[in-house]
Amino acid sequence: MERLVYQKSLRKLISLVLMLSIRFVAIAEIAVRDLDGHVAGAEAILVGIVKEGRNGNFILVVETSLKGTAKPNEEIIVDENSGLAWSHFSGVGPTMPTNSADFIRQFRQADWYEKRAVFLGTIKGGKWVSYCYDWSVWTSGASTYRRNDAPNGTLKALSLEALVEVIRSTIADSTPTHQVNMASHEANAEQPPAAPNPMSPVVQPAESMKADEAKRTASAPSEERDSRIPWNIIVIAAMAALGLLGFLLKRRS
């Protein structure tokens, strides 16, 4: 009976170790920001400083606009709808009034408060709305970013200037393709479609086939990288659990 209770306790301990290992892996994955996705999804990307305004409210003062229509020295209001402060600090919860003590405390304790940072989001009615809460406030050297064409797929500890240059290049890489597609679309819209010849077989152009093949080839590494599982951490956790099991059995014998 005592041995059965001992075995159950040991199984629970091993399960706990494995669960904590998996959670650690999940947290490690979350700590990597998707630079390409954020830059593509945010309507406005600004370099600026959040500070207290003249009326006691918080404002984002624009230094440089990397994307969008904001102007230098423009002041954008930051309030409870900006997604940068919540009712509990460790995660996203209900919003609270901008003038509440907890809201003010969270802002003043943030590592980006009154410091130059990159802000990704949008401007609605003169107010800032973050793209993904304070996850979309990027400071100098503080984060790891996932980028498809970077070595090992990530960029780490970038200075603010280097981060700004990466964002500029990401925007520039996506802009020409968009402009070419729009021009092609407008040109096609102006020309009436040619009448199809029922006797001619439909053949896909070689250029189109090559482009499709290139897209499939380019997307394969990205999908493989996103779906990979960090087995090395899981294996280490399992070995630690087995070592603990052996130690306990040795002590019992």
Protein backbone atom coordinates (compact mmCIF):
# COMPACT_ATOMS: atom_id res chain seq x y z
CA MET A 1 0.00 0.00 0.00
CA GLU A 2 2.77 2.38 0.95
CA ARG A 3 4.63 1.51 -2.24
CA LEU A 4 1.52 2.29 -4.34
CA VAL A 5 1.15 5.71 -2.72
CA TYR A 6 4.83 6.36 -3.33
CA GLN A 7 4.53 5.47 -7.03
CA LYS A 8 1.50 7.74 -7.47
CA SER A 9 3.34 10.64 -5.86
CA LEU A 10 6.33 10.03 -8.10
CA ARG A 11 4.16 9.99 -11.23
CA LYS A 12 2.58 13.29 -10.20
CA LEU A 13 6.03 14.79 -9.70
CA ILE A 14 7.19 13.68 -13.15
CA SER A 15 4.00 15.07 -14.73
CA LEU A 16 4.57 18.38 -12.97
CA VAL A 17 8.15 18.61 -14.26
CA LEU A 18 7.04 17.90 -17.83
CA MET A 19 4.18 20.42 -17.61
CA LEU A 20 6.52 23.14 -16.35
CA SER A 21 8.98 22.35 -19.15
CA ILE A 22 6.27 22.68 -21.80
CA ARG A 23 5.09 25.95 -20.27
CA PHE A 24 8.66 27.24 -20.27
CA VAL A 25 8.93 26.43 -23.98
CA ALA A 26 5.65 28.27 -24.67
CA ILE A 27 6.84 31.35 -22.77
CA ALA A 28 10.13 31.30 -24.68
CA GLU A 29 8.23 31.25 -27.99
CA ILE A 30 5.94 34.12 -26.90
CA ALA A 31 8.99 36.24 -26.02
CA VAL A 32 9.83 36.48 -29.72
CA ARG A 33 8.03 39.33 -31.52
CA ASP A 34 6.98 38.81 -35.14
CA LEU A 35 8.65 41.81 -36.79
CA ASP A 36 7.35 41.16 -40.31
CA GLY A 37 3.80 40.57 -39.08
CA HIS A 38 3.71 43.63 -36.84
CA VAL A 39 5.15 45.94 -39.50
CA ALA A 40 2.68 44.67 -42.10
CA GLY A 41 -0.33 44.84 -39.75
CA ALA A 42 0.23 48.22 -38.10
CA GLU A 43 -1.28 51.21 -39.93
CA ALA A 44 1.11 53.62 -38.19
CA ILE A 45 4.69 53.06 -37.01
CA LEU A 46 6.21 55.93 -35.06
CA VAL A 47 9.39 56.77 -33.24
CA GLY A 48 8.46 58.91 -30.27
CA ILE A 49 8.16 59.40 -26.53
CA VAL A 50 5.20 58.88 -24.21
CA LYS A 51 5.12 61.44 -21.41
CA GLU A 52 2.72 63.42 -19.26
CA GLY A 53 1.05 66.30 -21.08
CA ARG A 54 0.31 69.83 -19.94
CA ASN A 55 -3.21 68.89 -18.81
CA GLY A 56 -2.09 65.93 -16.70
CA ASN A 57 -2.95 63.39 -19.41
CA PHE A 58 -0.52 61.17 -21.29
CA ILE A 59 0.57 61.93 -24.83
CA LEU A 60 2.73 60.30 -27.49
CA VAL A 61 4.99 62.94 -29.03
CA VAL A 62 6.02 61.95 -32.56
CA GLU A 63 9.68 62.25 -33.48
CA THR A 64 9.60 60.37 -36.80
CA SER A 65 6.88 58.61 -38.75
CA LEU A 66 8.06 55.38 -40.39
CA LYS A 67 4.60 54.45 -41.64
CA GLY A 68 1.38 56.45 -41.75
CA THR A 69 0.58 60.15 -41.93
CA ALA A 70 1.67 61.45 -38.51
CA LYS A 71 3.87 64.55 -38.51
CA PRO A 72 6.97 65.30 -36.39
CA ASN A 73 6.13 66.95 -33.05
CA GLU A 74 2.50 65.88 -33.36
CA GLU A 75 0.94 65.05 -29.99
CA ILE A 76 -1.31 61.97 -29.85
CA ILE A 77 -3.46 61.28 -26.79
CA VAL A 78 -2.86 58.03 -24.89
CA ASP A 79 -5.74 56.82 -22.71
CA GLU A 80 -7.40 53.64 -21.39
CA ASN A 81 -8.36 52.62 -24.94
CA SER A 82 -4.75 52.70 -26.17
CA GLY A 83 -4.11 49.18 -24.85
CA LEU A 84 -1.01 50.09 -22.87
CA ALA A 85 -2.29 49.60 -19.29
CA TRP A 86 -4.71 47.15 -17.66
CA SER A 87 -6.32 46.40 -14.33
CA HIS A 88 -3.60 43.82 -13.55
CA PHE A 89 -0.02 44.29 -14.63
CA SER A 90 0.85 40.70 -15.59
CA GLY A 91 -1.62 40.45 -18.45
CA VAL A 92 -4.44 41.96 -20.41
CA GLY A 93 -7.49 42.71 -18.26
CA PRO A 94 -10.29 45.28 -18.07
CA THR A 95 -9.31 48.85 -18.80
CA MET A 96 -9.29 51.49 -16.09
CA PRO A 97 -9.79 55.26 -16.10
CA THR A 98 -6.82 57.22 -17.43
CA ASN A 99 -6.67 59.34 -14.28
CA SER A 100 -6.71 56.35 -11.88
CA ALA A 101 -3.72 55.75 -9.62
CA ASP A 102 -3.07 52.25 -11.06
CA PHE A 103 -3.10 53.54 -14.65
CA ILE A 104 -0.62 56.32 -13.81
CA ARG A 105 1.59 53.93 -11.85
CA GLN A 106 1.78 51.44 -14.70
CA PHE A 107 2.77 54.13 -17.17
CA ARG A 108 5.47 55.59 -14.97
CA GLN A 109 6.92 52.13 -14.25
CA ALA A 110 7.00 51.04 -17.90
CA ASP A 111 10.51 50.66 -19.34
CA TRP A 112 9.50 52.81 -22.33
CA TYR A 113 7.99 55.73 -20.38
CA GLU A 114 9.68 59.04 -21.24
CA LYS A 115 12.17 57.19 -23.47
CA ARG A 116 12.52 56.99 -27.24
CA ALA A 117 10.79 53.89 -28.57
CA VAL A 118 9.06 52.50 -31.64
CA PHE A 119 5.25 52.42 -31.38
CA LEU A 120 3.15 50.27 -33.73
CA GLY A 121 -0.59 50.78 -34.01
CA THR A 122 -3.04 53.26 -35.46
CA ILE A 123 -4.43 56.74 -34.77
CA LYS A 124 -8.19 57.06 -34.29
CA GLY A 125 -9.71 60.44 -33.54
CA GLY A 126 -6.40 61.88 -32.40
CA LYS A 127 -5.85 58.99 -29.96
CA TRP A 128 -3.29 56.20 -30.10
CA VAL A 129 -4.41 52.56 -30.30
CA SER A 130 -1.58 50.04 -29.97
CA TYR A 131 -1.38 47.21 -32.50
CA CYS A 132 -0.91 44.55 -29.81
CA TYR A 133 -0.94 46.23 -26.38
CA ASP A 134 2.52 47.17 -25.04
CA TRP A 135 3.82 44.15 -26.98
CA SER A 136 3.96 46.64 -29.85
CA VAL A 137 6.19 49.13 -28.04
CA TRP A 138 9.77 48.29 -29.03
CA THR A 139 12.70 49.72 -27.09
CA SER A 140 16.45 49.66 -27.60
CA GLY A 141 18.08 46.26 -27.08
CA ALA A 142 15.15 44.86 -25.09
CA SER A 143 13.57 42.27 -27.36
CA THR A 144 14.08 39.39 -29.76
CA TYR A 145 12.34 39.61 -33.12
CA ARG A 146 11.36 36.90 -35.59
CA ARG A 147 12.23 37.82 -39.18
CA ASN A 148 12.07 35.43 -42.12
CA ASP A 149 15.30 36.45 -43.86
CA ALA A 150 17.42 36.93 -40.71
CA PRO A 151 20.14 34.45 -39.64
CA ASN A 152 18.45 31.65 -37.66
CA GLY A 153 15.17 33.51 -38.25
CA THR A 154 15.64 35.99 -35.38
CA LEU A 155 17.17 39.38 -34.58
CA LYS A 156 18.31 40.09 -31.02
CA ALA A 157 19.28 43.09 -28.89
CA LEU A 158 18.96 45.67 -31.65
CA SER A 159 19.68 49.27 -30.81
CA LEU A 160 16.82 51.65 -31.56
CA GLU A 161 18.66 53.02 -34.60
CA ALA A 162 19.30 49.52 -35.98
CA LEU A 163 15.68 48.53 -35.30
CA VAL A 164 14.44 51.59 -37.19
CA GLU A 165 16.62 50.69 -40.19
CA VAL A 166 15.28 47.12 -40.20
CA ILE A 167 11.71 48.45 -40.12
CA ARG A 168 12.48 50.88 -42.95
CA SER A 169 13.93 48.09 -45.09
CA THR A 170 10.95 45.84 -44.33
CA ILE A 171 8.53 48.56 -45.45
CA ALA A 172 10.64 49.32 -48.54
CA ASP A 173 10.79 45.63 -49.52
CA SER A 174 7.00 45.39 -49.49
CA THR A 175 6.21 48.72 -51.18
CA PRO A 176 7.53 48.14 -54.75
CA THR A 177 5.60 44.90 -55.15
CA HIS A 178 2.40 46.61 -54.02
CA GLN A 179 2.91 49.52 -56.41
CA VAL A 180 3.66 47.23 -59.35
CA ASN A 181 0.56 45.15 -58.64
CA MET A 182 -1.62 48.28 -58.41
CA ALA A 183 -0.23 49.66 -61.70
CA SER A 184 -0.80 46.33 -63.44
CA HIS A 185 -4.33 46.17 -62.09
CA GLU A 186 -5.13 49.70 -63.31
CA ALA A 187 -3.67 49.00 -66.75
CA ASN A 188 -5.72 45.83 -67.09
CA ALA A 189 -8.85 47.66 -65.99
CA GLU A 190 -8.44 50.24 -68.76
CA GLN A 191 -8.15 47.60 -71.51
CA PRO A 192 -11.23 45.59 -72.55
CA PRO A 193 -10.76 41.85 -72.14
CA ALA A 194 -9.90 39.98 -75.34
CA ALA A 195 -12.50 37.57 -76.64
CA PRO A 196 -11.48 33.97 -75.83
CA ASN A 197 -10.74 31.63 -78.71
CA PRO A 198 -12.68 28.40 -78.13
CA MET A 199 -10.25 26.45 -80.31
CA SER A 200 -7.17 27.44 -78.31
CA PRO A 201 -6.15 25.28 -75.32
CA VAL A 202 -5.65 27.06 -72.00
CA VAL A 203 -1.94 27.02 -71.16
CA GLN A 204 -0.52 28.52 -67.99
CA PRO A 205 2.37 30.92 -68.83
CA ALA A 206 5.85 29.68 -67.92
CA GLU A 207 6.49 32.85 -65.91
CA SER A 208 3.38 32.22 -63.79
CA MET A 209 4.40 28.60 -63.17
CA LYS A 210 7.88 29.71 -62.11
CA ALA A 211 6.43 32.37 -59.80
CA ASP A 212 4.10 29.84 -58.15
CA GLU A 213 6.98 27.42 -57.67
CA ALA A 214 9.14 30.20 -56.17
CA LYS A 215 6.32 31.13 -53.74
CA ARG A 216 5.96 27.51 -52.61
CA THR A 217 9.72 27.17 -52.16
CA ALA A 218 9.97 30.46 -50.23
CA SER A 219 7.06 29.63 -47.92
CA ALA A 220 8.34 26.14 -47.05
CA PRO A 221 11.24 27.23 -44.76
CA SER A 222 8.98 29.74 -42.97
CA GLU A 223 6.28 27.11 -42.31
CA GLU A 224 8.92 24.63 -41.17
CA ARG A 225 10.45 27.19 -38.80
CA ASP A 226 7.07 28.15 -37.30
CA SER A 227 6.03 24.53 -36.74
CA ARG A 228 9.27 23.26 -35.27
CA ILE A 229 9.18 22.02 -31.68
CA PRO A 230 12.16 22.72 -29.37
CA TRP A 231 12.70 19.04 -28.55
CA ASN A 232 16.03 19.72 -26.86
CA ILE A 233 14.33 21.45 -23.94
CA ILE A 234 11.71 18.70 -23.63
CA VAL A 235 14.43 16.01 -23.72
CA ILE A 236 16.42 17.79 -21.01
CA ALA A 237 13.30 18.05 -18.84
CA ALA A 238 12.54 14.36 -19.33
CA MET A 239 16.12 13.41 -18.43
CA ALA A 240 15.90 15.57 -15.33
CA ALA A 241 12.67 13.84 -14.32
CA LEU A 242 14.21 10.38 -14.87
CA GLY A 243 17.29 11.39 -12.89
CA LEU A 244 15.08 12.53 -10.04
CA LEU A 245 13.19 9.25 -10.21
CA GLY A 246 16.42 7.25 -10.01
CA PHE A 247 17.64 9.33 -7.09
CA LEU A 248 14.43 8.78 -5.15
CA LEU A 249 14.42 5.02 -5.86
CA LYS A 250 18.05 4.77 -4.76
CA ARG A 251 17.29 6.55 -1.49
CA ARG A 252 14.29 4.29 -0.85
CA SER A 253 16.35 1.14 -1.43
